[in-house]
C-alpha atoms as a PDB file:
ATOM      1  CA  MET A   1      -0.032   0.080  -0.112  1.00  0.00           C
ATOM      2  CA  ASN A   2       1.628   3.521  -0.782  1.00  0.00           C
ATOM      3  CA  ALA A   3       1.723   6.146   1.576  1.00  0.00           C
ATOM      4  CA  GLY A   4      -0.739   8.316  -0.391  1.00  0.00           C
ATOM      5  CA  ASN A   5      -3.436   5.794   0.130  1.00  0.00           C
ATOM      6  CA  GLN A   6      -2.549   5.424   3.894  1.00  0.00           C
ATOM      7  CA  LEU A   7      -2.790   8.996   4.360  1.00  0.00           C
ATOM      8  CA  ASN A   8      -6.049   9.145   2.528  1.00  0.00           C
ATOM      9  CA  ASP A   9      -7.530   6.251   4.607  1.00  0.00           C
ATOM     10  CA  ILE A  10      -6.564   8.087   7.883  1.00  0.00           C
ATOM     11  CA  LEU A  11      -8.251  11.373   6.394  1.00  0.00           C
ATOM     12  CA  LEU A  12     -11.350   9.374   5.679  1.00  0.00           C
ATOM     13  CA  PHE A  13     -11.400   7.809   9.009  1.00  0.00           C
ATOM     14  CA  GLU A  14     -11.212  11.248  10.782  1.00  0.00           C
ATOM     15  CA  LYS A  15     -13.894  12.638   8.596  1.00  0.00           C
ATOM     16  CA  GLN A  16     -16.222   9.500   9.593  1.00  0.00           C
ATOM     17  CA  CYS A  17     -15.520  10.407  13.240  1.00  0.00           C
ATOM     18  CA  LEU A  18     -16.461  13.969  12.534  1.00  0.00           C
ATOM     19  CA  VAL A  19     -19.509  13.056  11.005  1.00  0.00           C
ATOM     20  CA  GLU A  20     -20.808   9.792  12.484  1.00  0.00           C
ATOM     21  CA  LEU A  21     -19.479  10.340  16.409  1.00  0.00           C
ATOM     22  CA  TYR A  22     -19.644  14.133  16.277  1.00  0.00           C
ATOM     23  CA  LEU A  23     -16.175  14.499  17.806  1.00  0.00           C
ATOM     24  CA  SER A  24     -14.253  17.725  17.348  1.00  0.00           C
ATOM     25  CA  PHE A  25     -10.557  17.650  15.543  1.00  0.00           C
ATOM     26  CA  SER A  26      -9.069  18.135  19.152  1.00  0.00           C
ATOM     27  CA  ASP A  27     -11.167  14.969  20.140  1.00  0.00           C
ATOM     28  CA  ILE A  28      -9.976  12.866  17.200  1.00  0.00           C
ATOM     29  CA  GLU A  29      -6.346  14.122  17.772  1.00  0.00           C
ATOM     30  CA  ASN A  30      -6.389  13.240  21.275  1.00  0.00           C
ATOM     31  CA  ALA A  31      -8.129  10.122  21.093  1.00  0.00           C
ATOM     32  CA  SER A  32      -6.558   6.217  20.644  1.00  0.00           C
ATOM     33  CA  PHE A  33      -6.473   5.476  16.816  1.00  0.00           C
ATOM     34  CA  TYR A  34      -7.095   1.878  17.899  1.00  0.00           C
ATOM     35  CA  GLY A  35      -9.955   2.680  20.306  1.00  0.00           C
ATOM     36  CA  LEU A  36     -11.649   4.626  17.735  1.00  0.00           C
ATOM     37  CA  ILE A  37     -11.374   1.812  15.094  1.00  0.00           C
ATOM     38  CA  GLU A  38     -12.583  -0.688  17.719  1.00  0.00           C
ATOM     39  CA  VAL A  39     -15.775   1.812  18.225  1.00  0.00           C
ATOM     40  CA  PHE A  40     -16.462   1.773  14.515  1.00  0.00           C
ATOM     41  CA  ASN A  41     -15.980  -2.034  14.114  1.00  0.00           C
ATOM     42  CA  SER A  42     -18.287  -2.923  17.043  1.00  0.00           C
ATOM     43  CA  ARG A  43     -21.620  -4.612  16.337  1.00  0.00           C
ATOM     44  CA  LYS A  44     -24.689  -5.300  18.047  1.00  0.00           C
ATOM     45  CA  GLU A  45     -24.344  -8.950  17.281  1.00  0.00           C
ATOM     46  CA  ASP A  46     -20.978  -9.241  18.993  1.00  0.00           C
ATOM     47  CA  LYS A  47     -22.862  -8.475  22.281  1.00  0.00           C
ATOM     48  CA  ILE A  48     -22.147 -11.103  24.970  1.00  0.00           C
ATOM     49  CA  ILE A  49     -25.098 -12.757  26.102  1.00  0.00           C
ATOM     50  CA  ASP A  50     -25.992 -13.946  29.671  1.00  0.00           C
ATOM     51  CA  PRO A  51     -25.998 -18.007  29.363  1.00  0.00           C
ATOM     52  CA  LEU A  52     -28.785 -18.046  31.802  1.00  0.00           C
ATOM     53  CA  GLU A  53     -30.719 -15.546  29.893  1.00  0.00           C
ATOM     54  CA  LEU A  54     -30.000 -17.722  26.665  1.00  0.00           C
ATOM     55  CA  PHE A  55     -30.976 -20.874  28.316  1.00  0.00           C
ATOM     56  CA  LYS A  56     -34.600 -18.996  29.552  1.00  0.00           C
ATOM     57  CA  SER A  57     -35.393 -17.805  26.020  1.00  0.00           C
ATOM     58  CA  LEU A  58     -34.613 -21.198  24.406  1.00  0.00           C
ATOM     59  CA  ASN A  59     -37.170 -22.926  26.888  1.00  0.00           C
ATOM     60  CA  SER A  60     -40.003 -20.310  26.755  1.00  0.00           C
END
């Protein structure tokens, strides 16, 4: 991957943070890059289910 594409990827990611997370430029610059990536990659389907609640839902 060339450096121009990497820089563009970072700029697009920062734009996504501004638009979707309503972060300011200073928030983005002071935040953990990998922490922000983790936020964007999180999905509702990844939520940990309580085994007891799962068992109850299967037996109802």
